[in-house]
């Protein structure tokens, strides 16, 4: 089975090596990428992601800062903090951890992050640029998912791709990325009738809906590549008469790996590559900021 696994760490490693080289070149020119991760309140899942961000930043030489805010912060207070970071030249990248408390408007906060510092690729501006084929600061998870497919070496032109999930930050950008490669794309969602008739024809299947076990082996074309983007917590038997939490994807791994040619595990699949794309975006953002600054200085 191991030969079938698309392991995130292995795919992320060359990306991280390239990013580290770019960071070294930037520092030689007097520029240091600095990522500010904004955390509102206390959320265990976000805390784990933040620790991983810190670890990966240290790996490539990016400065990392975790800025914590009280859970009861107001919308205007957090907007003011974001605006201050937008104009702070020391902060070259900003990421807002989700979820945020109910009193906050996530869309407004995300839009408030300046597109040049939106290294998670969540701002309407950066998502909009994807439509025009500009992916440099695109949504990290989408970039990572496509990179997982590329890593197999499969020819993308003419590939029959089915995406289950149509979110603005995962499903739709993946479709746009692959359309640029002249793949043939079908997007499925909760309004799709007879989902298996679509998934069974896919050469490559992406799944990102947040429903554990949605895709089973009988819904997958033999020899297909399956990219499972879902992250879910389910209760399983702990062997002592109780239950414990287990992290699984949207794909029933045990049945699907029997028919798929390649499949991403959960955890350990898309996640590490998403982190590598985050630091890659962070470096790209600084390179662009540096170019604009140096051009302004020459005027």
C-alpha atoms as a PDB file:
ATOM      1  CA  UNK A   1       0.000   0.000   0.000  1.00  0.00           C
ATOM      2  CA  UNK A   2       2.847   2.432   0.767  1.00  0.00           C
ATOM      3  CA  UNK A   3       3.657   2.913  -2.919  1.00  0.00           C
ATOM      4  CA  UNK A   4       0.162   4.320  -3.376  1.00  0.00           C
ATOM      5  CA  UNK A   5       0.471   7.015  -0.715  1.00  0.00           C
ATOM      6  CA  UNK A   6       1.045  10.615  -1.677  1.00  0.00           C
ATOM      7  CA  UNK A   7       2.922  11.600   1.479  1.00  0.00           C
ATOM      8  CA  UNK A   8       2.810  15.310   2.165  1.00  0.00           C
ATOM      9  CA  UNK A   9       6.222  15.598   3.820  1.00  0.00           C
ATOM     10  CA  UNK A  10       7.989  14.069   0.834  1.00  0.00           C
ATOM     11  CA  UNK A  11       6.224  16.365  -1.617  1.00  0.00           C
ATOM     12  CA  UNK A  12       6.757  19.434   0.581  1.00  0.00           C
ATOM     13  CA  UNK A  13      10.512  18.913   1.058  1.00  0.00           C
ATOM     14  CA  UNK A  14      11.739  20.231  -2.328  1.00  0.00           C
ATOM     15  CA  UNK A  15       9.349  23.187  -2.024  1.00  0.00           C
ATOM     16  CA  UNK A  16      10.790  24.048   1.383  1.00  0.00           C
ATOM     17  CA  UNK A  17      14.342  23.722   0.076  1.00  0.00           C
ATOM     18  CA  UNK A  18      13.558  26.188  -2.727  1.00  0.00           C
ATOM     19  CA  UNK A  19      11.923  28.599  -0.262  1.00  0.00           C
ATOM     20  CA  UNK A  20      14.925  28.433   2.088  1.00  0.00           C
ATOM     21  CA  UNK A  21      17.242  29.354  -0.802  1.00  0.00           C
ATOM     22  CA  UNK A  22      15.052  32.329  -1.703  1.00  0.00           C
ATOM     23  CA  UNK A  23      15.014  33.481   1.934  1.00  0.00           C
ATOM     24  CA  UNK A  24      18.810  33.347   2.046  1.00  0.00           C
ATOM     25  CA  UNK A  25      19.019  35.530  -1.073  1.00  0.00           C
ATOM     26  CA  UNK A  26      16.542  38.026   0.392  1.00  0.00           C
ATOM     27  CA  UNK A  27      18.487  38.304   3.637  1.00  0.00           C
ATOM     28  CA  UNK A  28      21.701  38.963   1.716  1.00  0.00           C
ATOM     29  CA  UNK A  29      19.943  41.979   0.245  1.00  0.00           C
ATOM     30  CA  UNK A  30      18.787  43.152   3.681  1.00  0.00           C
ATOM     31  CA  UNK A  31      15.212  41.834   3.556  1.00  0.00           C
ATOM     32  CA  UNK A  32      13.695  39.333   5.987  1.00  0.00           C
ATOM     33  CA  UNK A  33      10.242  37.759   5.525  1.00  0.00           C
ATOM     34  CA  UNK A  34       8.112  38.144   8.649  1.00  0.00           C
ATOM     35  CA  UNK A  35       4.824  36.270   9.049  1.00  0.00           C
ATOM     36  CA  UNK A  36       2.261  37.500  11.582  1.00  0.00           C
ATOM     37  CA  UNK A  37      -0.290  34.856  12.596  1.00  0.00           C
ATOM     38  CA  UNK A  38      -3.396  36.359  14.214  1.00  0.00           C
ATOM     39  CA  UNK A  39      -5.151  34.263  16.865  1.00  0.00           C
ATOM     40  CA  UNK A  40      -8.423  35.393  18.432  1.00  0.00           C
ATOM     41  CA  UNK A  41      -9.379  33.608  21.642  1.00  0.00           C
ATOM     42  CA  UNK A  42      -8.351  30.020  22.348  1.00  0.00           C
ATOM     43  CA  UNK A  43      -8.939  27.227  19.855  1.00  0.00           C
ATOM     44  CA  UNK A  44      -7.020  23.919  20.164  1.00  0.00           C
ATOM     45  CA  UNK A  45      -7.137  23.215  16.416  1.00  0.00           C
ATOM     46  CA  UNK A  46      -5.843  26.694  15.598  1.00  0.00           C
ATOM     47  CA  UNK A  47      -3.146  26.365  18.255  1.00  0.00           C
ATOM     48  CA  UNK A  48      -1.862  23.182  16.590  1.00  0.00           C
ATOM     49  CA  UNK A  49      -1.814  24.868  13.190  1.00  0.00           C
ATOM     50  CA  UNK A  50       0.046  27.857  14.651  1.00  0.00           C
ATOM     51  CA  UNK A  51       2.700  25.578  16.167  1.00  0.00           C
ATOM     52  CA  UNK A  52       3.150  23.951  12.776  1.00  0.00           C
ATOM     53  CA  UNK A  53       3.424  27.371  11.135  1.00  0.00           C
ATOM     54  CA  UNK A  54       6.143  28.357  13.597  1.00  0.00           C
ATOM     55  CA  UNK A  55       8.021  25.120  12.984  1.00  0.00           C
ATOM     56  CA  UNK A  56       7.921  25.422   9.207  1.00  0.00           C
ATOM     57  CA  UNK A  57       8.931  29.094   9.318  1.00  0.00           C
ATOM     58  CA  UNK A  58      11.963  28.211  11.425  1.00  0.00           C
ATOM     59  CA  UNK A  59      12.802  25.487   8.904  1.00  0.00           C
ATOM     60  CA  UNK A  60      13.110  27.979   6.029  1.00  0.00           C
ATOM     61  CA  UNK A  61      14.306  31.073   7.885  1.00  0.00           C
ATOM     62  CA  UNK A  62      11.091  33.098   7.949  1.00  0.00           C
ATOM     63  CA  UNK A  63      10.502  35.169  11.091  1.00  0.00           C
ATOM     64  CA  UNK A  64       7.276  34.134  12.813  1.00  0.00           C
ATOM     65  CA  UNK A  65       5.086  36.046  15.228  1.00  0.00           C
ATOM     66  CA  UNK A  66       1.911  34.802  16.903  1.00  0.00           C
ATOM     67  CA  UNK A  67      -0.246  37.817  17.753  1.00  0.00           C
ATOM     68  CA  UNK A  68      -2.954  36.891  20.253  1.00  0.00           C
ATOM     69  CA  UNK A  69      -6.178  38.819  20.777  1.00  0.00           C
ATOM     70  CA  UNK A  70      -8.849  38.459  23.460  1.00  0.00           C
ATOM     71  CA  UNK A  71     -11.934  36.507  22.508  1.00  0.00           C
ATOM     72  CA  UNK A  72     -14.167  39.513  23.238  1.00  0.00           C
ATOM     73  CA  UNK A  73     -12.295  41.881  20.905  1.00  0.00           C
ATOM     74  CA  UNK A  74     -14.587  44.028  18.780  1.00  0.00           C
ATOM     75  CA  UNK A  75     -14.677  44.123  15.004  1.00  0.00           C
ATOM     76  CA  UNK A  76     -13.322  47.665  14.912  1.00  0.00           C
ATOM     77  CA  UNK A  77     -10.476  46.859  17.297  1.00  0.00           C
ATOM     78  CA  UNK A  78      -9.323  43.912  15.216  1.00  0.00           C
ATOM     79  CA  UNK A  79      -9.720  45.870  11.977  1.00  0.00           C
ATOM     80  CA  UNK A  80      -7.521  48.590  13.459  1.00  0.00           C
ATOM     81  CA  UNK A  81      -4.880  46.014  14.379  1.00  0.00           C
ATOM     82  CA  UNK A  82      -4.922  44.592  10.850  1.00  0.00           C
ATOM     83  CA  UNK A  83      -4.626  48.049   9.314  1.00  0.00           C
ATOM     84  CA  UNK A  84      -1.628  48.773  11.535  1.00  0.00           C
ATOM     85  CA  UNK A  85       0.063  45.609  10.270  1.00  0.00           C
ATOM     86  CA  UNK A  86      -0.798  46.505   6.682  1.00  0.00           C
ATOM     87  CA  UNK A  87       1.357  49.623   6.954  1.00  0.00           C
ATOM     88  CA  UNK A  88       4.071  48.126   9.166  1.00  0.00           C
ATOM     89  CA  UNK A  89       7.061  47.405   6.882  1.00  0.00           C
ATOM     90  CA  UNK A  90       8.394  44.828   9.334  1.00  0.00           C
ATOM     91  CA  UNK A  91       5.315  42.627   8.773  1.00  0.00           C
ATOM     92  CA  UNK A  92       5.490  41.170   5.273  1.00  0.00           C
ATOM     93  CA  UNK A  93       2.779  38.508   5.571  1.00  0.00           C
ATOM     94  CA  UNK A  94      -0.453  38.162   7.563  1.00  0.00           C
ATOM     95  CA  UNK A  95      -2.622  35.111   8.229  1.00  0.00           C
ATOM     96  CA  UNK A  96      -5.865  35.171  10.225  1.00  0.00           C
ATOM     97  CA  UNK A  97      -6.650  31.965  12.077  1.00  0.00           C
ATOM     98  CA  UNK A  98     -10.145  30.542  11.777  1.00  0.00           C
ATOM     99  CA  UNK A  99     -12.679  30.151  13.211  1.00  0.00           C
ATOM    100  CA  UNK A 100     -13.158  33.562  14.810  1.00  0.00           C
ATOM    101  CA  UNK A 101     -15.692  34.349  17.569  1.00  0.00           C
ATOM    102  CA  UNK A 102     -19.288  34.937  16.469  1.00  0.00           C
ATOM    103  CA  UNK A 103     -19.261  38.670  17.071  1.00  0.00           C
ATOM    104  CA  UNK A 104     -16.667  39.095  14.320  1.00  0.00           C
ATOM    105  CA  UNK A 105     -17.312  39.350  10.582  1.00  0.00           C
ATOM    106  CA  UNK A 106     -14.726  36.997   9.065  1.00  0.00           C
ATOM    107  CA  UNK A 107     -15.267  38.182   5.495  1.00  0.00           C
ATOM    108  CA  UNK A 108     -14.692  41.818   6.423  1.00  0.00           C
ATOM    109  CA  UNK A 109     -11.582  40.930   8.404  1.00  0.00           C
ATOM    110  CA  UNK A 110     -10.152  38.833   5.592  1.00  0.00           C
ATOM    111  CA  UNK A 111     -10.826  41.585   3.068  1.00  0.00           C
ATOM    112  CA  UNK A 112      -9.106  44.097   5.373  1.00  0.00           C
ATOM    113  CA  UNK A 113      -5.770  42.286   5.020  1.00  0.00           C
ATOM    114  CA  UNK A 114      -3.900  44.034   2.220  1.00  0.00           C
ATOM    115  CA  UNK A 115      -3.646  41.718  -0.820  1.00  0.00           C
ATOM    116  CA  UNK A 116       0.132  42.162  -0.919  1.00  0.00           C
ATOM    117  CA  UNK A 117       0.379  40.694   2.590  1.00  0.00           C
ATOM    118  CA  UNK A 118      -2.437  38.135   2.294  1.00  0.00           C
ATOM    119  CA  UNK A 119      -0.160  35.103   2.206  1.00  0.00           C
ATOM    120  CA  UNK A 120      -2.968  32.603   2.758  1.00  0.00           C
ATOM    121  CA  UNK A 121      -4.557  33.773  -0.488  1.00  0.00           C
ATOM    122  CA  UNK A 122      -7.969  34.392   1.073  1.00  0.00           C
ATOM    123  CA  UNK A 123      -8.642  37.998   0.068  1.00  0.00           C
ATOM    124  CA  UNK A 124     -11.179  38.602  -2.714  1.00  0.00           C
ATOM    125  CA  UNK A 125      -8.425  40.303  -4.710  1.00  0.00           C
ATOM    126  CA  UNK A 126      -6.073  37.339  -4.670  1.00  0.00           C
ATOM    127  CA  UNK A 127      -8.853  34.814  -5.255  1.00  0.00           C
ATOM    128  CA  UNK A 128     -10.096  36.990  -8.112  1.00  0.00           C
ATOM    129  CA  UNK A 129      -6.667  36.993  -9.732  1.00  0.00           C
ATOM    130  CA  UNK A 130      -6.876  33.211  -9.992  1.00  0.00           C
ATOM    131  CA  UNK A 131      -9.595  33.686 -12.610  1.00  0.00           C
ATOM    132  CA  UNK A 132      -6.993  35.436 -14.781  1.00  0.00           C
ATOM    133  CA  UNK A 133      -4.399  32.713 -14.305  1.00  0.00           C
ATOM    134  CA  UNK A 134      -2.326  34.498 -11.654  1.00  0.00           C
ATOM    135  CA  UNK A 135      -1.640  31.964  -8.906  1.00  0.00           C
ATOM    136  CA  UNK A 136       1.363  33.485  -7.100  1.00  0.00           C
ATOM    137  CA  UNK A 137      -0.618  34.320  -3.930  1.00  0.00           C
ATOM    138  CA  UNK A 138      -3.484  31.896  -4.426  1.00  0.00           C
ATOM    139  CA  UNK A 139      -5.243  29.950  -1.634  1.00  0.00           C
ATOM    140  CA  UNK A 140      -2.660  27.686   0.005  1.00  0.00           C
ATOM    141  CA  UNK A 141      -4.791  24.547   0.279  1.00  0.00           C
ATOM    142  CA  UNK A 142      -5.782  24.727  -3.370  1.00  0.00           C
ATOM    143  CA  UNK A 143      -2.185  25.243  -4.455  1.00  0.00           C
ATOM    144  CA  UNK A 144      -1.131  22.318  -2.273  1.00  0.00           C
ATOM    145  CA  UNK A 145      -3.835  20.029  -3.660  1.00  0.00           C
ATOM    146  CA  UNK A 146      -2.834  20.721  -7.253  1.00  0.00           C
ATOM    147  CA  UNK A 147       0.831  20.228  -6.327  1.00  0.00           C
ATOM    148  CA  UNK A 148      -0.050  16.787  -4.944  1.00  0.00           C
ATOM    149  CA  UNK A 149      -1.555  15.880  -8.323  1.00  0.00           C
ATOM    150  CA  UNK A 150       1.444  17.284 -10.216  1.00  0.00           C
ATOM    151  CA  UNK A 151       3.801  15.214  -8.069  1.00  0.00           C
ATOM    152  CA  UNK A 152       2.454  12.015  -9.647  1.00  0.00           C
ATOM    153  CA  UNK A 153       3.819  13.070 -13.034  1.00  0.00           C
ATOM    154  CA  UNK A 154       0.476  12.549 -14.743  1.00  0.00           C
ATOM    155  CA  UNK A 155      -0.277  14.562 -17.888  1.00  0.00           C
ATOM    156  CA  UNK A 156      -2.781  17.259 -16.909  1.00  0.00           C
ATOM    157  CA  UNK A 157      -3.853  18.231 -20.413  1.00  0.00           C
ATOM    158  CA  UNK A 158      -7.100  16.416 -21.195  1.00  0.00           C
ATOM    159  CA  UNK A 159      -7.266  14.816 -17.739  1.00  0.00           C
ATOM    160  CA  UNK A 160     -10.815  14.105 -16.541  1.00  0.00           C
ATOM    161  CA  UNK A 161     -10.970  15.770 -13.102  1.00  0.00           C
ATOM    162  CA  UNK A 162     -13.896  15.701 -10.683  1.00  0.00           C
ATOM    163  CA  UNK A 163     -13.951  18.036  -7.682  1.00  0.00           C
ATOM    164  CA  UNK A 164     -16.414  17.317  -4.882  1.00  0.00           C
ATOM    165  CA  UNK A 165     -16.834  20.612  -3.060  1.00  0.00           C
ATOM    166  CA  UNK A 166     -17.243  24.117  -4.457  1.00  0.00           C
ATOM    167  CA  UNK A 167     -15.887  26.461  -1.787  1.00  0.00           C
ATOM    168  CA  UNK A 168     -14.282  29.745  -2.804  1.00  0.00           C
ATOM    169  CA  UNK A 169     -10.945  28.829  -1.240  1.00  0.00           C
ATOM    170  CA  UNK A 170     -10.605  25.162  -2.226  1.00  0.00           C
ATOM    171  CA  UNK A 171     -12.926  23.664  -4.834  1.00  0.00           C
ATOM    172  CA  UNK A 172     -13.340  26.609  -7.186  1.00  0.00           C
ATOM    173  CA  UNK A 173      -9.641  27.633  -7.251  1.00  0.00           C
ATOM    174  CA  UNK A 174      -8.578  24.030  -7.908  1.00  0.00           C
ATOM    175  CA  UNK A 175     -10.918  23.994 -10.889  1.00  0.00           C
ATOM    176  CA  UNK A 176      -9.480  27.248 -12.219  1.00  0.00           C
ATOM    177  CA  UNK A 177      -5.876  26.083 -11.758  1.00  0.00           C
ATOM    178  CA  UNK A 178      -6.520  22.893 -13.707  1.00  0.00           C
ATOM    179  CA  UNK A 179      -8.549  24.590 -16.422  1.00  0.00           C
ATOM    180  CA  UNK A 180      -5.388  26.594 -17.140  1.00  0.00           C
ATOM    181  CA  UNK A 181      -3.675  23.247 -17.727  1.00  0.00           C
ATOM    182  CA  UNK A 182      -6.480  22.260 -20.146  1.00  0.00           C
ATOM    183  CA  UNK A 183      -7.842  19.531 -17.898  1.00  0.00           C
ATOM    184  CA  UNK A 184     -11.574  18.822 -18.188  1.00  0.00           C
ATOM    185  CA  UNK A 185     -13.291  19.777 -14.936  1.00  0.00           C
ATOM    186  CA  UNK A 186     -16.542  18.747 -13.269  1.00  0.00           C
ATOM    187  CA  UNK A 187     -17.518  20.344  -9.942  1.00  0.00           C
ATOM    188  CA  UNK A 188     -19.946  18.434  -7.712  1.00  0.00           C
ATOM    189  CA  UNK A 189     -21.671  19.706  -4.562  1.00  0.00           C
ATOM    190  CA  UNK A 190     -24.681  19.127  -2.323  1.00  0.00           C
ATOM    191  CA  UNK A 191     -26.985  19.832  -5.257  1.00  0.00           C
ATOM    192  CA  UNK A 192     -25.427  17.124  -7.439  1.00  0.00           C
ATOM    193  CA  UNK A 193     -27.723  14.228  -8.275  1.00  0.00           C
ATOM    194  CA  UNK A 194     -26.225  10.726  -8.345  1.00  0.00           C
ATOM    195  CA  UNK A 195     -22.732  11.697  -7.221  1.00  0.00           C
ATOM    196  CA  UNK A 196     -21.177   8.271  -8.008  1.00  0.00           C
ATOM    197  CA  UNK A 197     -21.878   8.626 -11.739  1.00  0.00           C
ATOM    198  CA  UNK A 198     -19.476  11.556 -11.767  1.00  0.00           C
ATOM    199  CA  UNK A 199     -16.811  10.295  -9.355  1.00  0.00           C
ATOM    200  CA  UNK A 200     -16.512   6.918 -11.115  1.00  0.00           C
ATOM    201  CA  UNK A 201     -15.358   8.540 -14.343  1.00  0.00           C
ATOM    202  CA  UNK A 202     -12.635  10.736 -12.810  1.00  0.00           C
ATOM    203  CA  UNK A 203      -8.974  10.180 -13.619  1.00  0.00           C
ATOM    204  CA  UNK A 204      -8.276  12.505 -10.686  1.00  0.00           C
ATOM    205  CA  UNK A 205     -10.717  13.056  -7.819  1.00  0.00           C
ATOM    206  CA  UNK A 206     -10.489  15.919  -5.307  1.00  0.00           C
ATOM    207  CA  UNK A 207     -12.749  15.823  -2.249  1.00  0.00           C
ATOM    208  CA  UNK A 208     -13.257  18.739   0.163  1.00  0.00           C
ATOM    209  CA  UNK A 209     -16.659  18.838   1.828  1.00  0.00           C
ATOM    210  CA  UNK A 210     -16.146  17.939   5.497  1.00  0.00           C
ATOM    211  CA  UNK A 211     -18.106  14.674   5.483  1.00  0.00           C
ATOM    212  CA  UNK A 212     -16.142  11.661   6.741  1.00  0.00           C
ATOM    213  CA  UNK A 213     -16.396   8.567   4.571  1.00  0.00           C
ATOM    214  CA  UNK A 214     -18.358  10.309   1.826  1.00  0.00           C
ATOM    215  CA  UNK A 215     -16.367   8.653  -0.976  1.00  0.00           C
ATOM    216  CA  UNK A 216     -16.145   4.855  -0.900  1.00  0.00           C
ATOM    217  CA  UNK A 217     -14.257   2.393  -3.056  1.00  0.00           C
ATOM    218  CA  UNK A 218     -17.204   1.622  -5.316  1.00  0.00           C
ATOM    219  CA  UNK A 219     -17.405   5.340  -6.222  1.00  0.00           C
ATOM    220  CA  UNK A 220     -13.848   5.523  -7.584  1.00  0.00           C
ATOM    221  CA  UNK A 221     -12.497   4.614 -11.001  1.00  0.00           C
ATOM    222  CA  UNK A 222      -9.811   1.905 -10.793  1.00  0.00           C
ATOM    223  CA  UNK A 223      -6.401   3.522 -11.170  1.00  0.00           C
ATOM    224  CA  UNK A 224      -7.612   7.010 -10.285  1.00  0.00           C
ATOM    225  CA  UNK A 225      -5.645   9.553  -8.256  1.00  0.00           C
ATOM    226  CA  UNK A 226      -7.556  10.619  -5.134  1.00  0.00           C
ATOM    227  CA  UNK A 227      -6.724  13.834  -3.282  1.00  0.00           C
ATOM    228  CA  UNK A 228      -8.548  13.912   0.066  1.00  0.00           C
ATOM    229  CA  UNK A 229      -8.636  17.459   1.450  1.00  0.00           C
ATOM    230  CA  UNK A 230     -11.186  16.840   4.216  1.00  0.00           C
ATOM    231  CA  UNK A 231     -10.241  16.931   7.897  1.00  0.00           C
ATOM    232  CA  UNK A 232     -12.779  15.457  10.313  1.00  0.00           C
ATOM    233  CA  UNK A 233     -12.804  14.197  13.885  1.00  0.00           C
ATOM    234  CA  UNK A 234     -14.732  10.999  14.529  1.00  0.00           C
ATOM    235  CA  UNK A 235     -15.198   8.753  17.577  1.00  0.00           C
ATOM    236  CA  UNK A 236     -13.645   5.283  17.392  1.00  0.00           C
ATOM    237  CA  UNK A 237     -13.318   2.391  19.810  1.00  0.00           C
ATOM    238  CA  UNK A 238     -10.308   2.825  22.092  1.00  0.00           C
ATOM    239  CA  UNK A 239     -10.117  -0.907  22.827  1.00  0.00           C
ATOM    240  CA  UNK A 240     -11.042  -0.419  26.473  1.00  0.00           C
ATOM    241  CA  UNK A 241     -14.762  -0.089  26.157  1.00  0.00           C
ATOM    242  CA  UNK A 242     -14.639   3.634  25.476  1.00  0.00           C
ATOM    243  CA  UNK A 243     -14.058   5.930  22.533  1.00  0.00           C
ATOM    244  CA  UNK A 244     -11.299   8.193  21.304  1.00  0.00           C
ATOM    245  CA  UNK A 245     -11.016  10.828  18.614  1.00  0.00           C
ATOM    246  CA  UNK A 246      -9.526   9.972  15.224  1.00  0.00           C
ATOM    247  CA  UNK A 247      -8.683  12.347  12.381  1.00  0.00           C
ATOM    248  CA  UNK A 248      -9.999  11.175   9.015  1.00  0.00           C
ATOM    249  CA  UNK A 249     -10.702  12.688   5.622  1.00  0.00           C
ATOM    250  CA  UNK A 250     -13.765  12.728   3.416  1.00  0.00           C
ATOM    251  CA  UNK A 251     -12.660   9.510   1.726  1.00  0.00           C
ATOM    252  CA  UNK A 252     -13.137   6.024   3.181  1.00  0.00           C
ATOM    253  CA  UNK A 253      -9.437   5.265   3.017  1.00  0.00           C
ATOM    254  CA  UNK A 254      -9.603   1.501   3.523  1.00  0.00           C
ATOM    255  CA  UNK A 255     -11.917   0.846   0.592  1.00  0.00           C
ATOM    256  CA  UNK A 256     -10.636   3.549  -1.751  1.00  0.00           C
ATOM    257  CA  UNK A 257      -6.934   2.709  -1.507  1.00  0.00           C
ATOM    258  CA  UNK A 258      -7.761  -0.745  -2.863  1.00  0.00           C
ATOM    259  CA  UNK A 259      -8.846   0.704  -6.223  1.00  0.00           C
ATOM    260  CA  UNK A 260      -6.955   3.998  -6.488  1.00  0.00           C
ATOM    261  CA  UNK A 261      -3.514   4.249  -8.068  1.00  0.00           C
ATOM    262  CA  UNK A 262      -2.494   7.076  -5.723  1.00  0.00           C
ATOM    263  CA  UNK A 263      -4.195   8.461  -2.622  1.00  0.00           C
ATOM    264  CA  UNK A 264      -3.418  11.058   0.031  1.00  0.00           C
ATOM    265  CA  UNK A 265      -3.529   9.907   3.662  1.00  0.00           C
ATOM    266  CA  UNK A 266      -5.294  11.972   6.345  1.00  0.00           C
ATOM    267  CA  UNK A 267      -3.450  13.200   8.297  1.00  0.00           C
ATOM    268  CA  UNK A 268      -0.102  13.481   6.536  1.00  0.00           C
ATOM    269  CA  UNK A 269      -1.304  14.259   3.027  1.00  0.00           C
ATOM    270  CA  UNK A 270      -2.340  17.731   1.900  1.00  0.00           C
ATOM    271  CA  UNK A 271      -1.554  19.375   5.273  1.00  0.00           C
ATOM    272  CA  UNK A 272       2.271  19.486   5.082  1.00  0.00           C
ATOM    273  CA  UNK A 273       2.136  20.737   1.503  1.00  0.00           C
ATOM    274  CA  UNK A 274      -0.320  23.478   2.511  1.00  0.00           C
ATOM    275  CA  UNK A 275       2.226  24.689   5.085  1.00  0.00           C
ATOM    276  CA  UNK A 276       4.955  24.691   2.461  1.00  0.00           C
ATOM    277  CA  UNK A 277       2.725  26.796   0.208  1.00  0.00           C
ATOM    278  CA  UNK A 278       2.118  29.218   3.081  1.00  0.00           C
ATOM    279  CA  UNK A 279       5.823  29.963   3.501  1.00  0.00           C
ATOM    280  CA  UNK A 280       6.285  30.020  -0.265  1.00  0.00           C
ATOM    281  CA  UNK A 281       3.533  32.656  -0.502  1.00  0.00           C
ATOM    282  CA  UNK A 282       5.172  34.559   2.355  1.00  0.00           C
ATOM    283  CA  UNK A 283       8.448  34.758   0.456  1.00  0.00           C
ATOM    284  CA  UNK A 284       6.705  35.616  -2.813  1.00  0.00           C
ATOM    285  CA  UNK A 285       4.853  38.442  -1.055  1.00  0.00           C
ATOM    286  CA  UNK A 286       8.099  39.934   0.253  1.00  0.00           C
ATOM    287  CA  UNK A 287       9.799  39.630  -3.131  1.00  0.00           C
ATOM    288  CA  UNK A 288       6.957  41.609  -4.681  1.00  0.00           C
ATOM    289  CA  UNK A 289       7.016  44.208  -1.911  1.00  0.00           C
ATOM    290  CA  UNK A 290      10.766  44.550  -2.313  1.00  0.00           C
ATOM    291  CA  UNK A 291      10.460  45.059  -6.070  1.00  0.00           C
ATOM    292  CA  UNK A 292       7.854  47.792  -5.626  1.00  0.00           C
ATOM    293  CA  UNK A 293       9.948  49.514  -2.953  1.00  0.00           C
ATOM    294  CA  UNK A 294      13.136  49.468  -4.994  1.00  0.00           C
ATOM    295  CA  UNK A 295      11.264  50.737  -8.059  1.00  0.00           C
ATOM    296  CA  UNK A 296       9.822  53.614  -5.991  1.00  0.00           C
ATOM    297  CA  UNK A 297      13.290  54.490  -4.724  1.00  0.00           C
ATOM    298  CA  UNK A 298      14.559  54.830  -8.288  1.00  0.00           C
ATOM    299  CA  UNK A 299      11.853  57.342  -9.204  1.00  0.00           C
END
